[in-house]
Amino acid sequence: MKLREFTHKVFGVQWPILLVGAFLVVAFALVAAGYWRRGALVMAIGVGVAAALRLTLTDERAGLLAVRTRTFDVLTTASLSAAVLYIAWTIDPLGTS
């Protein structure tokens, strides 16, 4: 398999999980830099994007986002996104931005 075919296979098929992974990398970078509330917000947005992608894409197009049934995946990721968003929004910043 040539490099071009390999990259098309990985990035062309698995772009939904790579997009969500990019959100999580940015979120963890913000947390490591001391901006944990902003990092938690970006993480909640990323998980919300995962829920929206799982809801709108077919099982074949969702790739690695498809773990269980569509209903279970969407409810789980949307609930997690809402919980993290609530935590990021309500907890005292403890002197950070």
N, C-alpha and C. Protein backbone atom coordinates (compact mmCIF):
# COMPACT_ATOMS: atom_id res chain seq x y z
N MET A 1 0.85 -1.18 0.00
CA MET A 1 0.00 0.00 0.00
C MET A 1 0.89 1.24 0.00
N LYS A 2 0.59 2.14 -0.89
CA LYS A 2 1.37 3.37 -1.00
C LYS A 2 0.95 4.35 0.09
N LEU A 3 1.81 5.31 0.33
CA LEU A 3 1.55 6.30 1.37
C LEU A 3 0.28 7.09 1.07
N ARG A 4 0.07 7.43 -0.18
CA ARG A 4 -1.13 8.20 -0.55
C ARG A 4 -2.40 7.40 -0.27
N GLU A 5 -2.40 6.13 -0.59
CA GLU A 5 -3.57 5.28 -0.32
C GLU A 5 -3.79 5.13 1.17
N PHE A 6 -2.70 4.98 1.91
CA PHE A 6 -2.80 4.84 3.35
C PHE A 6 -3.38 6.09 4.00
N THR A 7 -2.88 7.26 3.60
CA THR A 7 -3.39 8.50 4.20
C THR A 7 -4.85 8.74 3.82
N HIS A 8 -5.22 8.39 2.59
CA HIS A 8 -6.62 8.53 2.20
C HIS A 8 -7.50 7.59 3.01
N LYS A 9 -7.01 6.39 3.24
CA LYS A 9 -7.79 5.43 4.01
C LYS A 9 -7.97 5.89 5.46
N VAL A 10 -6.90 6.39 6.05
CA VAL A 10 -6.98 6.82 7.45
C VAL A 10 -7.76 8.13 7.58
N PHE A 11 -7.36 9.14 6.82
CA PHE A 11 -7.98 10.45 6.98
C PHE A 11 -9.33 10.56 6.27
N GLY A 12 -9.51 9.84 5.19
CA GLY A 12 -10.76 9.91 4.46
C GLY A 12 -11.89 9.19 5.16
N VAL A 13 -11.56 8.09 5.82
CA VAL A 13 -12.59 7.28 6.48
C VAL A 13 -12.77 7.68 7.94
N GLN A 14 -11.71 7.99 8.61
CA GLN A 14 -11.77 8.24 10.05
C GLN A 14 -11.74 9.73 10.41
N TRP A 15 -12.16 10.60 9.50
CA TRP A 15 -12.11 12.03 9.80
C TRP A 15 -12.99 12.45 10.98
N PRO A 16 -14.13 11.78 11.25
CA PRO A 16 -14.92 12.23 12.41
C PRO A 16 -14.17 12.09 13.74
N ILE A 17 -13.52 10.95 13.96
CA ILE A 17 -12.80 10.76 15.22
C ILE A 17 -11.55 11.64 15.27
N LEU A 18 -10.94 11.91 14.13
CA LEU A 18 -9.78 12.79 14.10
C LEU A 18 -10.17 14.23 14.43
N LEU A 19 -11.34 14.65 13.96
CA LEU A 19 -11.83 15.99 14.28
C LEU A 19 -12.08 16.13 15.78
N VAL A 20 -12.73 15.15 16.36
CA VAL A 20 -12.99 15.17 17.81
C VAL A 20 -11.66 15.10 18.57
N GLY A 21 -10.74 14.29 18.09
CA GLY A 21 -9.42 14.21 18.72
C GLY A 21 -8.69 15.53 18.69
N ALA A 22 -8.85 16.30 17.62
CA ALA A 22 -8.21 17.62 17.54
C ALA A 22 -8.77 18.56 18.61
N PHE A 23 -10.09 18.49 18.82
CA PHE A 23 -10.69 19.29 19.90
C PHE A 23 -10.08 18.90 21.25
N LEU A 24 -9.92 17.61 21.48
CA LEU A 24 -9.42 17.15 22.77
C LEU A 24 -7.94 17.51 22.96
N VAL A 25 -7.15 17.49 21.90
CA VAL A 25 -5.75 17.90 22.00
C VAL A 25 -5.67 19.37 22.38
N VAL A 26 -6.48 20.21 21.75
CA VAL A 26 -6.50 21.64 22.09
C VAL A 26 -6.96 21.82 23.53
N ALA A 27 -7.97 21.06 23.94
CA ALA A 27 -8.47 21.18 25.32
C ALA A 27 -7.40 20.81 26.33
N PHE A 28 -6.69 19.72 26.09
CA PHE A 28 -5.64 19.31 27.03
C PHE A 28 -4.48 20.30 27.03
N ALA A 29 -4.19 20.91 25.88
CA ALA A 29 -3.15 21.93 25.84
C ALA A 29 -3.55 23.14 26.67
N LEU A 30 -4.81 23.54 26.60
CA LEU A 30 -5.28 24.65 27.42
C LEU A 30 -5.22 24.32 28.90
N VAL A 31 -5.59 23.10 29.25
CA VAL A 31 -5.52 22.69 30.66
C VAL A 31 -4.07 22.68 31.14
N ALA A 32 -3.17 22.18 30.31
CA ALA A 32 -1.75 22.15 30.69
C ALA A 32 -1.17 23.55 30.84
N ALA A 33 -1.71 24.50 30.09
CA ALA A 33 -1.25 25.88 30.17
C ALA A 33 -1.86 26.63 31.36
N GLY A 34 -2.76 25.98 32.09
CA GLY A 34 -3.35 26.60 33.26
C GLY A 34 -4.73 27.16 33.04
N TYR A 35 -5.26 27.04 31.86
CA TYR A 35 -6.60 27.55 31.54
C TYR A 35 -7.59 26.38 31.56
N TRP A 36 -7.81 25.82 32.73
CA TRP A 36 -8.59 24.59 32.80
C TRP A 36 -10.06 24.81 32.51
N ARG A 37 -10.59 25.97 32.83
CA ARG A 37 -12.01 26.21 32.51
C ARG A 37 -12.21 26.33 31.00
N ARG A 38 -11.31 27.02 30.33
CA ARG A 38 -11.40 27.11 28.87
C ARG A 38 -11.17 25.74 28.24
N GLY A 39 -10.22 24.99 28.81
CA GLY A 39 -9.97 23.64 28.31
C GLY A 39 -11.18 22.74 28.48
N ALA A 40 -11.85 22.85 29.61
CA ALA A 40 -13.07 22.06 29.83
C ALA A 40 -14.17 22.48 28.86
N LEU A 41 -14.26 23.76 28.56
CA LEU A 41 -15.25 24.24 27.60
C LEU A 41 -14.98 23.67 26.21
N VAL A 42 -13.72 23.71 25.79
CA VAL A 42 -13.36 23.15 24.48
C VAL A 42 -13.61 21.64 24.46
N MET A 43 -13.34 20.98 25.57
CA MET A 43 -13.61 19.54 25.65
C MET A 43 -15.10 19.26 25.53
N ALA A 44 -15.91 20.04 26.20
CA ALA A 44 -17.36 19.87 26.10
C ALA A 44 -17.86 20.10 24.68
N ILE A 45 -17.30 21.10 24.01
CA ILE A 45 -17.67 21.35 22.62
C ILE A 45 -17.25 20.19 21.73
N GLY A 46 -16.06 19.65 21.96
CA GLY A 46 -15.59 18.53 21.17
C GLY A 46 -16.46 17.29 21.34
N VAL A 47 -16.86 17.01 22.56
CA VAL A 47 -17.74 15.85 22.80
C VAL A 47 -19.12 16.12 22.22
N GLY A 48 -19.56 17.38 22.26
CA GLY A 48 -20.83 17.74 21.62
C GLY A 48 -20.76 17.56 20.11
N VAL A 49 -19.63 17.89 19.51
CA VAL A 49 -19.43 17.66 18.08
C VAL A 49 -19.49 16.16 17.79
N ALA A 50 -18.90 15.35 18.66
CA ALA A 50 -18.96 13.90 18.49
C ALA A 50 -20.41 13.41 18.52
N ALA A 51 -21.20 13.95 19.42
CA ALA A 51 -22.62 13.57 19.48
C ALA A 51 -23.35 13.97 18.21
N ALA A 52 -23.08 15.18 17.73
CA ALA A 52 -23.75 15.64 16.51
C ALA A 52 -23.33 14.83 15.29
N LEU A 53 -22.05 14.51 15.21
CA LEU A 53 -21.58 13.69 14.09
C LEU A 53 -22.17 12.29 14.15
N ARG A 54 -22.24 11.73 15.34
CA ARG A 54 -22.81 10.38 15.47
C ARG A 54 -24.29 10.38 15.12
N LEU A 55 -24.97 11.47 15.42
CA LEU A 55 -26.39 11.57 15.11
C LEU A 55 -26.63 11.71 13.61
N THR A 56 -25.78 12.46 12.93
CA THR A 56 -26.03 12.78 11.52
C THR A 56 -25.39 11.81 10.53
N LEU A 57 -24.29 11.19 10.89
CA LEU A 57 -23.59 10.30 9.95
C LEU A 57 -24.12 8.87 10.04
N THR A 58 -24.01 8.15 8.95
CA THR A 58 -24.37 6.73 8.97
C THR A 58 -23.33 5.96 9.77
N ASP A 59 -23.64 4.72 10.10
CA ASP A 59 -22.70 3.91 10.88
C ASP A 59 -21.38 3.73 10.14
N GLU A 60 -21.43 3.58 8.83
CA GLU A 60 -20.21 3.40 8.05
C GLU A 60 -19.38 4.67 8.00
N ARG A 61 -20.04 5.81 7.86
CA ARG A 61 -19.33 7.09 7.79
C ARG A 61 -18.84 7.57 9.15
N ALA A 62 -19.49 7.15 10.22
CA ALA A 62 -19.10 7.59 11.57
C ALA A 62 -17.78 6.98 11.99
N GLY A 63 -17.41 5.86 11.40
CA GLY A 63 -16.12 5.24 11.71
C GLY A 63 -16.03 4.83 13.17
N LEU A 64 -14.97 5.27 13.83
CA LEU A 64 -14.72 4.88 15.21
C LEU A 64 -15.63 5.58 16.22
N LEU A 65 -16.44 6.53 15.78
CA LEU A 65 -17.42 7.13 16.68
C LEU A 65 -18.57 6.17 16.97
N ALA A 66 -18.77 5.21 16.09
CA ALA A 66 -19.84 4.23 16.26
C ALA A 66 -19.35 3.13 17.19
N VAL A 67 -19.82 3.15 18.43
CA VAL A 67 -19.42 2.15 19.41
C VAL A 67 -20.56 1.19 19.70
N ARG A 68 -21.69 1.73 20.04
CA ARG A 68 -22.90 0.94 20.32
C ARG A 68 -23.98 1.35 19.33
N THR A 69 -25.20 1.32 19.76
CA THR A 69 -26.27 1.79 18.87
C THR A 69 -26.20 3.31 18.78
N ARG A 70 -26.78 3.86 17.74
CA ARG A 70 -26.74 5.31 17.54
C ARG A 70 -27.38 6.04 18.72
N THR A 71 -28.53 5.54 19.19
CA THR A 71 -29.22 6.19 20.30
C THR A 71 -28.35 6.21 21.55
N PHE A 72 -27.74 5.09 21.88
CA PHE A 72 -26.90 5.01 23.07
C PHE A 72 -25.70 5.93 22.94
N ASP A 73 -25.04 5.92 21.78
CA ASP A 73 -23.87 6.77 21.58
C ASP A 73 -24.22 8.25 21.70
N VAL A 74 -25.31 8.66 21.07
CA VAL A 74 -25.69 10.08 21.11
C VAL A 74 -26.09 10.50 22.52
N LEU A 75 -26.88 9.68 23.20
CA LEU A 75 -27.28 10.03 24.56
C LEU A 75 -26.09 10.09 25.50
N THR A 76 -25.17 9.16 25.37
CA THR A 76 -23.99 9.14 26.24
C THR A 76 -23.11 10.35 26.00
N THR A 77 -22.77 10.61 24.74
CA THR A 77 -21.87 11.73 24.46
C THR A 77 -22.53 13.08 24.73
N ALA A 78 -23.81 13.21 24.43
CA ALA A 78 -24.50 14.48 24.72
C ALA A 78 -24.58 14.72 26.23
N SER A 79 -24.85 13.67 27.00
CA SER A 79 -24.89 13.81 28.47
C SER A 79 -23.53 14.19 29.03
N LEU A 80 -22.49 13.56 28.54
CA LEU A 80 -21.14 13.87 28.99
C LEU A 80 -20.77 15.31 28.63
N SER A 81 -21.13 15.72 27.43
CA SER A 81 -20.85 17.09 27.00
C SER A 81 -21.58 18.10 27.90
N ALA A 82 -22.83 17.82 28.20
CA ALA A 82 -23.61 18.73 29.06
C ALA A 82 -23.02 18.78 30.47
N ALA A 83 -22.59 17.63 30.99
CA ALA A 83 -22.02 17.60 32.34
C ALA A 83 -20.71 18.38 32.41
N VAL A 84 -19.84 18.20 31.44
CA VAL A 84 -18.57 18.92 31.43
C VAL A 84 -18.80 20.40 31.22
N LEU A 85 -19.75 20.75 30.37
CA LEU A 85 -20.08 22.16 30.16
C LEU A 85 -20.60 22.79 31.44
N TYR A 86 -21.45 22.08 32.16
CA TYR A 86 -21.97 22.59 33.43
C TYR A 86 -20.84 22.80 34.44
N ILE A 87 -19.95 21.83 34.52
CA ILE A 87 -18.82 21.95 35.45
C ILE A 87 -17.93 23.13 35.08
N ALA A 88 -17.62 23.26 33.80
CA ALA A 88 -16.75 24.36 33.36
C ALA A 88 -17.41 25.72 33.60
N TRP A 89 -18.71 25.77 33.51
CA TRP A 89 -19.42 27.05 33.63
C TRP A 89 -19.64 27.46 35.08
N THR A 90 -19.78 26.50 36.00
CA THR A 90 -20.21 26.84 37.34
C THR A 90 -19.14 26.82 38.41
N ILE A 91 -18.06 26.11 38.21
CA ILE A 91 -17.06 26.01 39.26
C ILE A 91 -16.22 27.28 39.31
N ASP A 92 -15.90 27.69 40.53
CA ASP A 92 -15.08 28.87 40.75
C ASP A 92 -13.73 28.72 40.06
N PRO A 93 -13.25 29.75 39.38
CA PRO A 93 -12.01 29.63 38.62
C PRO A 93 -10.75 29.50 39.46
N LEU A 94 -10.81 29.68 40.74
CA LEU A 94 -9.65 29.55 41.63
C LEU A 94 -8.47 30.41 41.21
N GLY A 95 -8.77 31.61 40.76
CA GLY A 95 -7.72 32.54 40.41
C GLY A 95 -7.19 32.39 38.99
N THR A 96 -7.75 31.47 38.20
CA THR A 96 -7.30 31.34 36.81
C THR A 96 -8.30 31.98 35.89
N SER A 97 -7.91 32.15 34.66
CA SER A 97 -8.80 32.78 33.67
C SER A 97 -9.71 31.76 33.04
